[in-house]
Amino acid sequence: IGSTAYSGTFESESPVLVQALAKQLVNKKKPKVAVLDFNDINGRPTELGRFLSEQLAVDMVMAEGITLVDRANISAIMAEHQLTTEGLVKPENAKKLGEFAGVDAILIGTLASVDEVVTLTVKGVSTETAEVVAAGRMKFDTTKDLQRMMGLSLKGGGAAVSTGSGIRASDSEAIATREVGPLT
């Protein structure tokens, strides 16, 4: 059975997702948000997840009624207080992040790739209650570069390291790559 590629691109689908999330967050009075790195279906952060979360964060800045807290600040706060993305589903941890970072909600996401289509599911989690207060998903065509990025883990010993000549894994696991330029 052959697969049919989805006809959307990240650039065409992202504004629809951003507007839907923004509307839900504003309606729930959760306008101050932070976007965390998106994970693969197994809960591992990937290069693609980081790239897409950064892109979504930039798009959220332009959404009406939303204020975005910088991702670097959130990462530093989480590290300082030993909080993990998985741990934020506990109301007390979500509340801590809300207090320390001054955010009403955090956006977390999951990536899955089936055939030639990537699905990104994003949830807005209240930092007061740890309840999901916003949610949405988008699908877009994948490319070889996106597939490669999805396969590069950012966690633990096999963390991807950005270099001037491409991406390489830790010293124990070398990956040959080449520069391909921007994805857009």
C-alpha atoms as a PDB file:
ATOM      1  CA  ILE A   1       0.000   0.000   0.000  1.00  0.00           C
ATOM      2  CA  GLY A   2       1.510   3.325  -1.011  1.00  0.00           C
ATOM      3  CA  SER A   3       1.441   6.416   1.144  1.00  0.00           C
ATOM      4  CA  THR A   4       0.115   9.782   0.114  1.00  0.00           C
ATOM      5  CA  ALA A   5       2.071  12.774   1.365  1.00  0.00           C
ATOM      6  CA  TYR A   6       0.165  15.487   3.170  1.00  0.00           C
ATOM      7  CA  SER A   7       0.067  18.666   1.117  1.00  0.00           C
ATOM      8  CA  GLY A   8       0.874  21.091   3.946  1.00  0.00           C
ATOM      9  CA  THR A   9       4.160  22.616   4.975  1.00  0.00           C
ATOM     10  CA  PHE A  10       5.215  23.798   8.428  1.00  0.00           C
ATOM     11  CA  GLU A  11       5.103  27.383   7.169  1.00  0.00           C
ATOM     12  CA  SER A  12       1.521  27.045   5.897  1.00  0.00           C
ATOM     13  CA  GLU A  13       0.163  25.073   8.864  1.00  0.00           C
ATOM     14  CA  SER A  14       1.879  26.867  11.753  1.00  0.00           C
ATOM     15  CA  PRO A  15      -0.215  30.092  11.645  1.00  0.00           C
ATOM     16  CA  VAL A  16      -3.425  28.066  11.971  1.00  0.00           C
ATOM     17  CA  LEU A  17      -2.089  26.213  15.020  1.00  0.00           C
ATOM     18  CA  VAL A  18      -0.740  29.396  16.596  1.00  0.00           C
ATOM     19  CA  GLN A  19      -4.037  31.245  16.205  1.00  0.00           C
ATOM     20  CA  ALA A  20      -6.016  28.328  17.658  1.00  0.00           C
ATOM     21  CA  LEU A  21      -3.680  28.040  20.662  1.00  0.00           C
ATOM     22  CA  ALA A  22      -3.620  31.806  21.222  1.00  0.00           C
ATOM     23  CA  LYS A  23      -7.421  32.044  21.145  1.00  0.00           C
ATOM     24  CA  GLN A  24      -7.785  29.218  23.679  1.00  0.00           C
ATOM     25  CA  LEU A  25      -5.100  30.656  25.988  1.00  0.00           C
ATOM     26  CA  VAL A  26      -6.597  34.157  25.929  1.00  0.00           C
ATOM     27  CA  ASN A  27     -10.117  32.761  26.533  1.00  0.00           C
ATOM     28  CA  LYS A  28      -8.819  30.805  29.553  1.00  0.00           C
ATOM     29  CA  LYS A  29      -7.011  33.928  30.819  1.00  0.00           C
ATOM     30  CA  LYS A  30      -3.578  32.321  30.399  1.00  0.00           C
ATOM     31  CA  PRO A  31      -1.910  34.913  28.137  1.00  0.00           C
ATOM     32  CA  LYS A  32       1.646  34.738  29.486  1.00  0.00           C
ATOM     33  CA  VAL A  33       3.242  31.562  28.113  1.00  0.00           C
ATOM     34  CA  ALA A  34       6.527  29.772  27.586  1.00  0.00           C
ATOM     35  CA  VAL A  35       7.302  27.177  24.908  1.00  0.00           C
ATOM     36  CA  LEU A  36       9.419  24.172  25.908  1.00  0.00           C
ATOM     37  CA  ASP A  37      11.352  21.915  23.529  1.00  0.00           C
ATOM     38  CA  PHE A  38       9.077  19.416  21.808  1.00  0.00           C
ATOM     39  CA  ASN A  39       9.797  15.710  22.244  1.00  0.00           C
ATOM     40  CA  ASP A  40       9.448  12.673  20.034  1.00  0.00           C
ATOM     41  CA  ILE A  41       6.715  10.147  20.772  1.00  0.00           C
ATOM     42  CA  ASN A  42       9.016   8.380  23.266  1.00  0.00           C
ATOM     43  CA  GLY A  43       9.539  11.561  25.290  1.00  0.00           C
ATOM     44  CA  ARG A  44      13.044  12.310  23.980  1.00  0.00           C
ATOM     45  CA  PRO A  45      13.953  15.851  22.913  1.00  0.00           C
ATOM     46  CA  THR A  46      15.237  16.023  19.344  1.00  0.00           C
ATOM     47  CA  GLU A  47      16.865  18.616  17.160  1.00  0.00           C
ATOM     48  CA  LEU A  48      13.630  18.864  15.148  1.00  0.00           C
ATOM     49  CA  GLY A  49      11.625  19.338  18.338  1.00  0.00           C
ATOM     50  CA  ARG A  50      13.881  22.180  19.436  1.00  0.00           C
ATOM     51  CA  PHE A  51      13.736  23.768  15.968  1.00  0.00           C
ATOM     52  CA  LEU A  52       9.927  23.559  15.764  1.00  0.00           C
ATOM     53  CA  SER A  53       9.420  24.842  19.319  1.00  0.00           C
ATOM     54  CA  GLU A  54      11.618  27.829  18.514  1.00  0.00           C
ATOM     55  CA  GLN A  55       9.652  28.505  15.329  1.00  0.00           C
ATOM     56  CA  LEU A  56       6.328  28.201  17.172  1.00  0.00           C
ATOM     57  CA  ALA A  57       7.612  30.524  19.919  1.00  0.00           C
ATOM     58  CA  VAL A  58       8.463  33.186  17.343  1.00  0.00           C
ATOM     59  CA  ASP A  59       5.014  32.831  15.783  1.00  0.00           C
ATOM     60  CA  MET A  60       3.337  33.037  19.235  1.00  0.00           C
ATOM     61  CA  VAL A  61       4.982  36.423  19.844  1.00  0.00           C
ATOM     62  CA  MET A  62       2.964  37.770  16.934  1.00  0.00           C
ATOM     63  CA  ALA A  63      -0.339  36.319  18.195  1.00  0.00           C
ATOM     64  CA  GLU A  64      -2.729  38.891  19.602  1.00  0.00           C
ATOM     65  CA  GLY A  65      -3.122  38.841  23.370  1.00  0.00           C
ATOM     66  CA  ILE A  66      -0.146  36.540  24.048  1.00  0.00           C
ATOM     67  CA  THR A  67       3.035  37.442  25.919  1.00  0.00           C
ATOM     68  CA  LEU A  68       5.933  35.041  25.549  1.00  0.00           C
ATOM     69  CA  VAL A  69       8.663  34.381  28.111  1.00  0.00           C
ATOM     70  CA  ASP A  70      12.003  33.602  26.480  1.00  0.00           C
ATOM     71  CA  ARG A  71      12.832  29.893  26.194  1.00  0.00           C
ATOM     72  CA  ALA A  72      16.398  30.345  27.437  1.00  0.00           C
ATOM     73  CA  ASN A  73      15.115  31.900  30.657  1.00  0.00           C
ATOM     74  CA  ILE A  74      12.661  29.033  31.176  1.00  0.00           C
ATOM     75  CA  SER A  75      15.403  26.440  30.619  1.00  0.00           C
ATOM     76  CA  ALA A  76      17.657  28.149  33.152  1.00  0.00           C
ATOM     77  CA  ILE A  77      14.844  28.351  35.719  1.00  0.00           C
ATOM     78  CA  MET A  78      13.957  24.686  35.198  1.00  0.00           C
ATOM     79  CA  ALA A  79      17.594  23.629  35.592  1.00  0.00           C
ATOM     80  CA  GLU A  80      18.072  25.791  38.692  1.00  0.00           C
ATOM     81  CA  HIS A  81      15.018  24.282  40.381  1.00  0.00           C
ATOM     82  CA  GLN A  82      15.633  20.768  39.031  1.00  0.00           C
ATOM     83  CA  LEU A  83      12.345  20.634  37.117  1.00  0.00           C
ATOM     84  CA  THR A  84      11.830  18.416  34.079  1.00  0.00           C
ATOM     85  CA  THR A  85       9.230  18.607  31.333  1.00  0.00           C
ATOM     86  CA  GLU A  86       7.804  15.269  32.501  1.00  0.00           C
ATOM     87  CA  GLY A  87       7.641  16.572  36.084  1.00  0.00           C
ATOM     88  CA  LEU A  88       5.524  19.553  35.065  1.00  0.00           C
ATOM     89  CA  VAL A  89       2.414  17.378  34.883  1.00  0.00           C
ATOM     90  CA  LYS A  90       2.475  17.430  38.696  1.00  0.00           C
ATOM     91  CA  PRO A  91       0.510  20.484  39.849  1.00  0.00           C
ATOM     92  CA  GLU A  92       3.095  21.464  42.469  1.00  0.00           C
ATOM     93  CA  ASN A  93       5.913  21.503  39.876  1.00  0.00           C
ATOM     94  CA  ALA A  94       3.845  23.389  37.299  1.00  0.00           C
ATOM     95  CA  LYS A  95       2.941  25.904  39.997  1.00  0.00           C
ATOM     96  CA  LYS A  96       6.642  26.324  40.916  1.00  0.00           C
ATOM     97  CA  LEU A  97       7.522  27.105  37.311  1.00  0.00           C
ATOM     98  CA  GLY A  98       4.642  29.577  37.136  1.00  0.00           C
ATOM     99  CA  GLU A  99       5.877  31.330  40.254  1.00  0.00           C
ATOM    100  CA  PHE A 100       9.561  31.379  39.298  1.00  0.00           C
ATOM    101  CA  ALA A 101       9.070  32.305  35.637  1.00  0.00           C
ATOM    102  CA  GLY A 102       5.906  34.359  35.929  1.00  0.00           C
ATOM    103  CA  VAL A 103       4.013  32.371  33.277  1.00  0.00           C
ATOM    104  CA  ASP A 104       0.356  31.334  33.219  1.00  0.00           C
ATOM    105  CA  ALA A 105       0.882  28.339  30.936  1.00  0.00           C
ATOM    106  CA  ILE A 106       3.588  26.313  29.252  1.00  0.00           C
ATOM    107  CA  LEU A 107       3.356  24.871  25.768  1.00  0.00           C
ATOM    108  CA  ILE A 108       4.659  21.331  25.438  1.00  0.00           C
ATOM    109  CA  GLY A 109       4.560  19.234  22.304  1.00  0.00           C
ATOM    110  CA  THR A 110       5.057  15.820  20.806  1.00  0.00           C
ATOM    111  CA  LEU A 111       6.304  14.949  17.312  1.00  0.00           C
ATOM    112  CA  ALA A 112       5.484  11.788  15.415  1.00  0.00           C
ATOM    113  CA  SER A 113       6.456  10.868  11.882  1.00  0.00           C
ATOM    114  CA  VAL A 114       4.431   8.384   9.870  1.00  0.00           C
ATOM    115  CA  ASP A 115       5.342   7.752   6.257  1.00  0.00           C
ATOM    116  CA  GLU A 116       6.078  11.195   4.856  1.00  0.00           C
ATOM    117  CA  VAL A 117       4.013  13.258   7.314  1.00  0.00           C
ATOM    118  CA  VAL A 118       5.046  14.771  10.652  1.00  0.00           C
ATOM    119  CA  THR A 119       2.344  15.400  13.247  1.00  0.00           C
ATOM    120  CA  LEU A 120       3.011  17.996  15.937  1.00  0.00           C
ATOM    121  CA  THR A 121       0.623  17.941  18.902  1.00  0.00           C
ATOM    122  CA  VAL A 122       0.861  20.913  21.279  1.00  0.00           C
ATOM    123  CA  LYS A 123      -0.758  21.292  24.709  1.00  0.00           C
ATOM    124  CA  GLY A 124      -0.998  24.404  26.834  1.00  0.00           C
ATOM    125  CA  VAL A 125      -0.648  23.388  30.490  1.00  0.00           C
ATOM    126  CA  SER A 126      -1.773  25.746  33.250  1.00  0.00           C
ATOM    127  CA  THR A 127       1.018  26.493  35.708  1.00  0.00           C
ATOM    128  CA  GLU A 128      -1.609  26.934  38.395  1.00  0.00           C
ATOM    129  CA  THR A 129      -3.426  23.607  38.086  1.00  0.00           C
ATOM    130  CA  ALA A 130      -1.377  21.488  35.596  1.00  0.00           C
ATOM    131  CA  GLU A 131      -4.603  21.124  33.585  1.00  0.00           C
ATOM    132  CA  VAL A 132      -4.503  21.230  29.804  1.00  0.00           C
ATOM    133  CA  VAL A 133      -6.107  24.586  28.944  1.00  0.00           C
ATOM    134  CA  ALA A 134      -5.292  24.667  25.222  1.00  0.00           C
ATOM    135  CA  ALA A 135      -4.449  22.089  22.585  1.00  0.00           C
ATOM    136  CA  GLY A 136      -3.967  21.731  18.882  1.00  0.00           C
ATOM    137  CA  ARG A 137      -2.183  19.736  16.233  1.00  0.00           C
ATOM    138  CA  MET A 138      -0.777  20.236  12.813  1.00  0.00           C
ATOM    139  CA  LYS A 139       0.472  17.941  10.091  1.00  0.00           C
ATOM    140  CA  PHE A 140       3.059  18.789   7.486  1.00  0.00           C
ATOM    141  CA  ASP A 141       5.157  17.077   4.865  1.00  0.00           C
ATOM    142  CA  THR A 142       8.529  15.809   5.930  1.00  0.00           C
ATOM    143  CA  THR A 143      11.788  16.025   4.059  1.00  0.00           C
ATOM    144  CA  LYS A 144      15.034  14.091   4.394  1.00  0.00           C
ATOM    145  CA  ASP A 145      16.458  16.968   6.452  1.00  0.00           C
ATOM    146  CA  LEU A 146      13.479  17.003   8.824  1.00  0.00           C
ATOM    147  CA  GLN A 147      13.686  13.217   9.211  1.00  0.00           C
ATOM    148  CA  ARG A 148      17.394  13.533  10.030  1.00  0.00           C
ATOM    149  CA  MET A 149      16.682  16.236  12.599  1.00  0.00           C
ATOM    150  CA  MET A 150      13.976  14.115  14.182  1.00  0.00           C
ATOM    151  CA  GLY A 151      16.450  11.275  14.655  1.00  0.00           C
ATOM    152  CA  LEU A 152      19.041  13.399  16.472  1.00  0.00           C
ATOM    153  CA  SER A 153      18.579  13.232  20.226  1.00  0.00           C
ATOM    154  CA  LEU A 154      19.462  16.223  22.403  1.00  0.00           C
ATOM    155  CA  LYS A 155      19.586  14.337  25.702  1.00  0.00           C
ATOM    156  CA  GLY A 156      22.249  12.347  27.525  1.00  0.00           C
ATOM    157  CA  GLY A 157      25.436  10.866  26.066  1.00  0.00           C
ATOM    158  CA  GLY A 158      24.216  10.958  22.469  1.00  0.00           C
ATOM    159  CA  ALA A 159      23.347  14.636  22.476  1.00  0.00           C
ATOM    160  CA  ALA A 160      23.700  16.359  19.153  1.00  0.00           C
ATOM    161  CA  VAL A 161      26.297  19.077  19.008  1.00  0.00           C
ATOM    162  CA  SER A 162      26.096  21.850  16.459  1.00  0.00           C
ATOM    163  CA  THR A 163      29.356  22.423  14.627  1.00  0.00           C
ATOM    164  CA  GLY A 164      30.393  24.637  11.769  1.00  0.00           C
ATOM    165  CA  SER A 165      30.432  21.702   9.367  1.00  0.00           C
ATOM    166  CA  GLY A 166      27.161  20.028  10.346  1.00  0.00           C
ATOM    167  CA  ILE A 167      25.874  17.987  13.258  1.00  0.00           C
ATOM    168  CA  ARG A 168      27.815  15.311  15.055  1.00  0.00           C
ATOM    169  CA  ALA A 169      26.791  13.062  17.887  1.00  0.00           C
ATOM    170  CA  SER A 170      28.871  12.528  20.988  1.00  0.00           C
ATOM    171  CA  ASP A 171      32.341  11.073  20.554  1.00  0.00           C
ATOM    172  CA  SER A 172      30.960   7.556  20.994  1.00  0.00           C
ATOM    173  CA  GLU A 173      28.628   7.846  18.024  1.00  0.00           C
ATOM    174  CA  ALA A 174      29.778   9.762  14.934  1.00  0.00           C
ATOM    175  CA  ILE A 175      27.351  10.808  12.241  1.00  0.00           C
ATOM    176  CA  ALA A 176      28.535  12.099   8.889  1.00  0.00           C
ATOM    177  CA  THR A 177      26.557  15.111   7.680  1.00  0.00           C
ATOM    178  CA  ARG A 178      26.771  17.968   5.255  1.00  0.00           C
ATOM    179  CA  GLU A 179      25.510  21.520   5.266  1.00  0.00           C
ATOM    180  CA  VAL A 180      22.235  21.876   3.374  1.00  0.00           C
ATOM    181  CA  GLY A 181      21.312  25.461   4.129  1.00  0.00           C
ATOM    182  CA  PRO A 182      18.070  26.779   5.620  1.00  0.00           C
ATOM    183  CA  LEU A 183      14.983  24.568   5.729  1.00  0.00           C
ATOM    184  CA  THR A 184      12.655  27.269   4.463  1.00  0.00           C
END
